[in-house]
């Protein structure tokens, strides 16, 4: 390897290391969703997950949890009906129980909604 090749390889390796560290630092920081003090027990709300997809956040006495708002049947966006305490898909009348692991309770879906990892960190509810 000549001097120019060595310098080029070294510069590319250094750039890859710097870029890799920057990307991992960004990915490691949790996404803030809402202040915990503004989201009391019994609350629910729609939010945008870190991947840009719609999602729903819930808070109960036992903690916080969230699910993707994308129906597992054909990808329609579900909505939360507070009166029935269900996430309902408008496309094929499917519904999911957010208080039972997001399992389907009606309609054609055969698997639960995807779970989104959330927690309370300091005074924020964050997506991990």
C-alpha atoms as a PDB file:
ATOM      1  CA  UNK A   1       0.000   0.000   0.000  1.00  0.00           C
ATOM      2  CA  UNK A   2       1.365   3.413  -0.892  1.00  0.00           C
ATOM      3  CA  UNK A   3       1.248   6.531   1.248  1.00  0.00           C
ATOM      4  CA  UNK A   4      -1.848   7.954  -0.459  1.00  0.00           C
ATOM      5  CA  UNK A   5      -3.768   4.680  -0.038  1.00  0.00           C
ATOM      6  CA  UNK A   6      -2.788   4.499   3.624  1.00  0.00           C
ATOM      7  CA  UNK A   7      -3.945   8.070   4.290  1.00  0.00           C
ATOM      8  CA  UNK A   8      -7.233   7.513   2.427  1.00  0.00           C
ATOM      9  CA  UNK A   9      -7.965   4.295   4.350  1.00  0.00           C
ATOM     10  CA  UNK A  10      -7.100   5.954   7.672  1.00  0.00           C
ATOM     11  CA  UNK A  11      -9.317   8.980   6.921  1.00  0.00           C
ATOM     12  CA  UNK A  12     -12.245   6.755   5.927  1.00  0.00           C
ATOM     13  CA  UNK A  13     -11.867   4.629   9.058  1.00  0.00           C
ATOM     14  CA  UNK A  14     -11.723   7.712  11.292  1.00  0.00           C
ATOM     15  CA  UNK A  15     -14.803   9.169   9.604  1.00  0.00           C
ATOM     16  CA  UNK A  16     -16.690   5.907  10.043  1.00  0.00           C
ATOM     17  CA  UNK A  17     -15.809   5.810  13.738  1.00  0.00           C
ATOM     18  CA  UNK A  18     -16.908   9.411  14.303  1.00  0.00           C
ATOM     19  CA  UNK A  19     -20.139   8.934  12.319  1.00  0.00           C
ATOM     20  CA  UNK A  20     -20.884   5.665  14.122  1.00  0.00           C
ATOM     21  CA  UNK A  21     -20.466   7.277  17.534  1.00  0.00           C
ATOM     22  CA  UNK A  22     -22.700  10.192  16.572  1.00  0.00           C
ATOM     23  CA  UNK A  23     -25.432   7.877  15.294  1.00  0.00           C
ATOM     24  CA  UNK A  24     -25.352   5.617  18.365  1.00  0.00           C
ATOM     25  CA  UNK A  25     -25.502   8.621  20.694  1.00  0.00           C
ATOM     26  CA  UNK A  26     -28.576   9.939  18.879  1.00  0.00           C
ATOM     27  CA  UNK A  27     -30.268   6.531  18.891  1.00  0.00           C
ATOM     28  CA  UNK A  28     -29.548   6.039  22.586  1.00  0.00           C
ATOM     29  CA  UNK A  29     -31.341   9.189  23.726  1.00  0.00           C
ATOM     30  CA  UNK A  30     -34.988   8.493  24.598  1.00  0.00           C
ATOM     31  CA  UNK A  31     -37.792  10.308  22.767  1.00  0.00           C
ATOM     32  CA  UNK A  32     -39.838  12.491  25.096  1.00  0.00           C
ATOM     33  CA  UNK A  33     -43.577  12.023  24.676  1.00  0.00           C
ATOM     34  CA  UNK A  34     -45.284  14.006  27.448  1.00  0.00           C
ATOM     35  CA  UNK A  35     -44.536  15.302  30.932  1.00  0.00           C
ATOM     36  CA  UNK A  36     -45.683  12.741  33.478  1.00  0.00           C
ATOM     37  CA  UNK A  37     -47.185  15.499  35.642  1.00  0.00           C
ATOM     38  CA  UNK A  38     -49.443  16.478  32.695  1.00  0.00           C
ATOM     39  CA  UNK A  39     -50.530  12.864  32.058  1.00  0.00           C
ATOM     40  CA  UNK A  40     -52.437  11.539  35.099  1.00  0.00           C
ATOM     41  CA  UNK A  41     -53.505   7.968  35.812  1.00  0.00           C
ATOM     42  CA  UNK A  42     -56.440   7.033  33.551  1.00  0.00           C
ATOM     43  CA  UNK A  43     -55.171   9.116  30.645  1.00  0.00           C
ATOM     44  CA  UNK A  44     -54.639   8.069  27.060  1.00  0.00           C
ATOM     45  CA  UNK A  45     -53.279   9.976  24.085  1.00  0.00           C
ATOM     46  CA  UNK A  46     -52.144   9.561  20.537  1.00  0.00           C
ATOM     47  CA  UNK A  47     -48.499  10.346  19.768  1.00  0.00           C
ATOM     48  CA  UNK A  48     -45.942   9.852  17.033  1.00  0.00           C
ATOM     49  CA  UNK A  49     -43.449   7.095  17.797  1.00  0.00           C
ATOM     50  CA  UNK A  50     -39.720   7.484  17.183  1.00  0.00           C
ATOM     51  CA  UNK A  51     -40.090   5.695  13.834  1.00  0.00           C
ATOM     52  CA  UNK A  52     -42.715   8.250  12.698  1.00  0.00           C
ATOM     53  CA  UNK A  53     -45.690   5.907  13.028  1.00  0.00           C
ATOM     54  CA  UNK A  54     -48.849   6.776  14.981  1.00  0.00           C
ATOM     55  CA  UNK A  55     -49.177   5.222  18.434  1.00  0.00           C
ATOM     56  CA  UNK A  56     -51.262   5.350  21.614  1.00  0.00           C
ATOM     57  CA  UNK A  57     -49.990   5.900  25.136  1.00  0.00           C
ATOM     58  CA  UNK A  58     -51.887   4.825  28.270  1.00  0.00           C
ATOM     59  CA  UNK A  59     -51.315   5.393  31.982  1.00  0.00           C
ATOM     60  CA  UNK A  60     -52.769   3.203  34.720  1.00  0.00           C
ATOM     61  CA  UNK A  61     -52.032   2.769  38.417  1.00  0.00           C
ATOM     62  CA  UNK A  62     -49.451   0.140  37.483  1.00  0.00           C
ATOM     63  CA  UNK A  63     -47.534   2.368  35.036  1.00  0.00           C
ATOM     64  CA  UNK A  64     -47.402   3.448  31.403  1.00  0.00           C
ATOM     65  CA  UNK A  65     -47.639   1.403  28.202  1.00  0.00           C
ATOM     66  CA  UNK A  66     -48.028   2.073  24.501  1.00  0.00           C
ATOM     67  CA  UNK A  67     -49.020   0.340  21.284  1.00  0.00           C
ATOM     68  CA  UNK A  68     -48.609   1.048  17.620  1.00  0.00           C
ATOM     69  CA  UNK A  69     -51.777   2.489  16.075  1.00  0.00           C
ATOM     70  CA  UNK A  70     -51.206   0.406  12.945  1.00  0.00           C
ATOM     71  CA  UNK A  71     -53.710  -2.454  12.645  1.00  0.00           C
ATOM     72  CA  UNK A  72     -52.032  -5.840  12.331  1.00  0.00           C
ATOM     73  CA  UNK A  73     -54.589  -6.965   9.736  1.00  0.00           C
ATOM     74  CA  UNK A  74     -53.984  -4.617   6.793  1.00  0.00           C
ATOM     75  CA  UNK A  75     -52.210  -1.579   8.220  1.00  0.00           C
ATOM     76  CA  UNK A  76     -55.082   0.866   8.748  1.00  0.00           C
ATOM     77  CA  UNK A  77     -54.754   3.346  11.617  1.00  0.00           C
ATOM     78  CA  UNK A  78     -56.760   2.418  14.703  1.00  0.00           C
ATOM     79  CA  UNK A  79     -58.396   4.939  17.005  1.00  0.00           C
ATOM     80  CA  UNK A  80     -59.113   4.733  20.722  1.00  0.00           C
ATOM     81  CA  UNK A  81     -62.739   4.675  21.842  1.00  0.00           C
ATOM     82  CA  UNK A  82     -62.655   5.695  25.472  1.00  0.00           C
ATOM     83  CA  UNK A  83     -66.259   4.646  26.141  1.00  0.00           C
ATOM     84  CA  UNK A  84     -65.536   1.035  25.147  1.00  0.00           C
ATOM     85  CA  UNK A  85     -61.861   1.098  26.194  1.00  0.00           C
ATOM     86  CA  UNK A  86     -60.867  -0.423  22.844  1.00  0.00           C
ATOM     87  CA  UNK A  87     -58.598   0.470  19.950  1.00  0.00           C
ATOM     88  CA  UNK A  88     -60.826   0.160  16.882  1.00  0.00           C
ATOM     89  CA  UNK A  89     -59.867  -0.232  13.227  1.00  0.00           C
ATOM     90  CA  UNK A  90     -62.214   1.646  10.879  1.00  0.00           C
ATOM     91  CA  UNK A  91     -61.339  -0.505   7.843  1.00  0.00           C
ATOM     92  CA  UNK A  92     -62.700  -3.905   8.880  1.00  0.00           C
ATOM     93  CA  UNK A  93     -64.299  -3.252  12.292  1.00  0.00           C
ATOM     94  CA  UNK A  94     -61.500  -4.952  14.157  1.00  0.00           C
ATOM     95  CA  UNK A  95     -60.834  -4.020  17.755  1.00  0.00           C
ATOM     96  CA  UNK A  96     -58.007  -4.538  20.212  1.00  0.00           C
ATOM     97  CA  UNK A  97     -57.885  -4.477  24.005  1.00  0.00           C
ATOM     98  CA  UNK A  98     -55.086  -2.158  25.119  1.00  0.00           C
ATOM     99  CA  UNK A  99     -55.494  -3.328  28.720  1.00  0.00           C
ATOM    100  CA  UNK A 100     -54.885  -6.965  27.726  1.00  0.00           C
ATOM    101  CA  UNK A 101     -51.586  -6.790  25.809  1.00  0.00           C
ATOM    102  CA  UNK A 102     -53.227  -5.221  22.726  1.00  0.00           C
ATOM    103  CA  UNK A 103     -54.860  -8.527  21.803  1.00  0.00           C
ATOM    104  CA  UNK A 104     -57.536  -8.576  19.091  1.00  0.00           C
ATOM    105  CA  UNK A 105     -61.064  -8.999  20.461  1.00  0.00           C
ATOM    106  CA  UNK A 106     -63.065  -8.633  17.230  1.00  0.00           C
ATOM    107  CA  UNK A 107     -62.507  -8.574  13.508  1.00  0.00           C
ATOM    108  CA  UNK A 108     -60.050 -10.251  11.183  1.00  0.00           C
ATOM    109  CA  UNK A 109     -56.750  -9.414  12.921  1.00  0.00           C
ATOM    110  CA  UNK A 110     -55.021 -12.508  14.284  1.00  0.00           C
ATOM    111  CA  UNK A 111     -52.203 -10.951  16.286  1.00  0.00           C
ATOM    112  CA  UNK A 112     -51.912  -8.161  18.893  1.00  0.00           C
ATOM    113  CA  UNK A 113     -50.866  -4.609  18.152  1.00  0.00           C
ATOM    114  CA  UNK A 114     -47.131  -4.043  18.300  1.00  0.00           C
ATOM    115  CA  UNK A 115     -45.979  -2.924  21.742  1.00  0.00           C
ATOM    116  CA  UNK A 116     -43.880   0.224  22.064  1.00  0.00           C
ATOM    117  CA  UNK A 117     -41.412   0.401  24.928  1.00  0.00           C
ATOM    118  CA  UNK A 118     -42.123   3.421  27.150  1.00  0.00           C
ATOM    119  CA  UNK A 119     -41.161   4.408  30.677  1.00  0.00           C
ATOM    120  CA  UNK A 120     -41.154   7.322  33.095  1.00  0.00           C
ATOM    121  CA  UNK A 121     -37.805   9.075  33.345  1.00  0.00           C
ATOM    122  CA  UNK A 122     -37.602  12.012  35.739  1.00  0.00           C
ATOM    123  CA  UNK A 123     -40.788  13.985  34.906  1.00  0.00           C
ATOM    124  CA  UNK A 124     -41.121  12.676  31.358  1.00  0.00           C
ATOM    125  CA  UNK A 125     -42.783   9.690  29.750  1.00  0.00           C
ATOM    126  CA  UNK A 126     -40.269   8.569  27.152  1.00  0.00           C
ATOM    127  CA  UNK A 127     -39.980   6.026  24.398  1.00  0.00           C
ATOM    128  CA  UNK A 128     -36.898   3.926  25.029  1.00  0.00           C
END
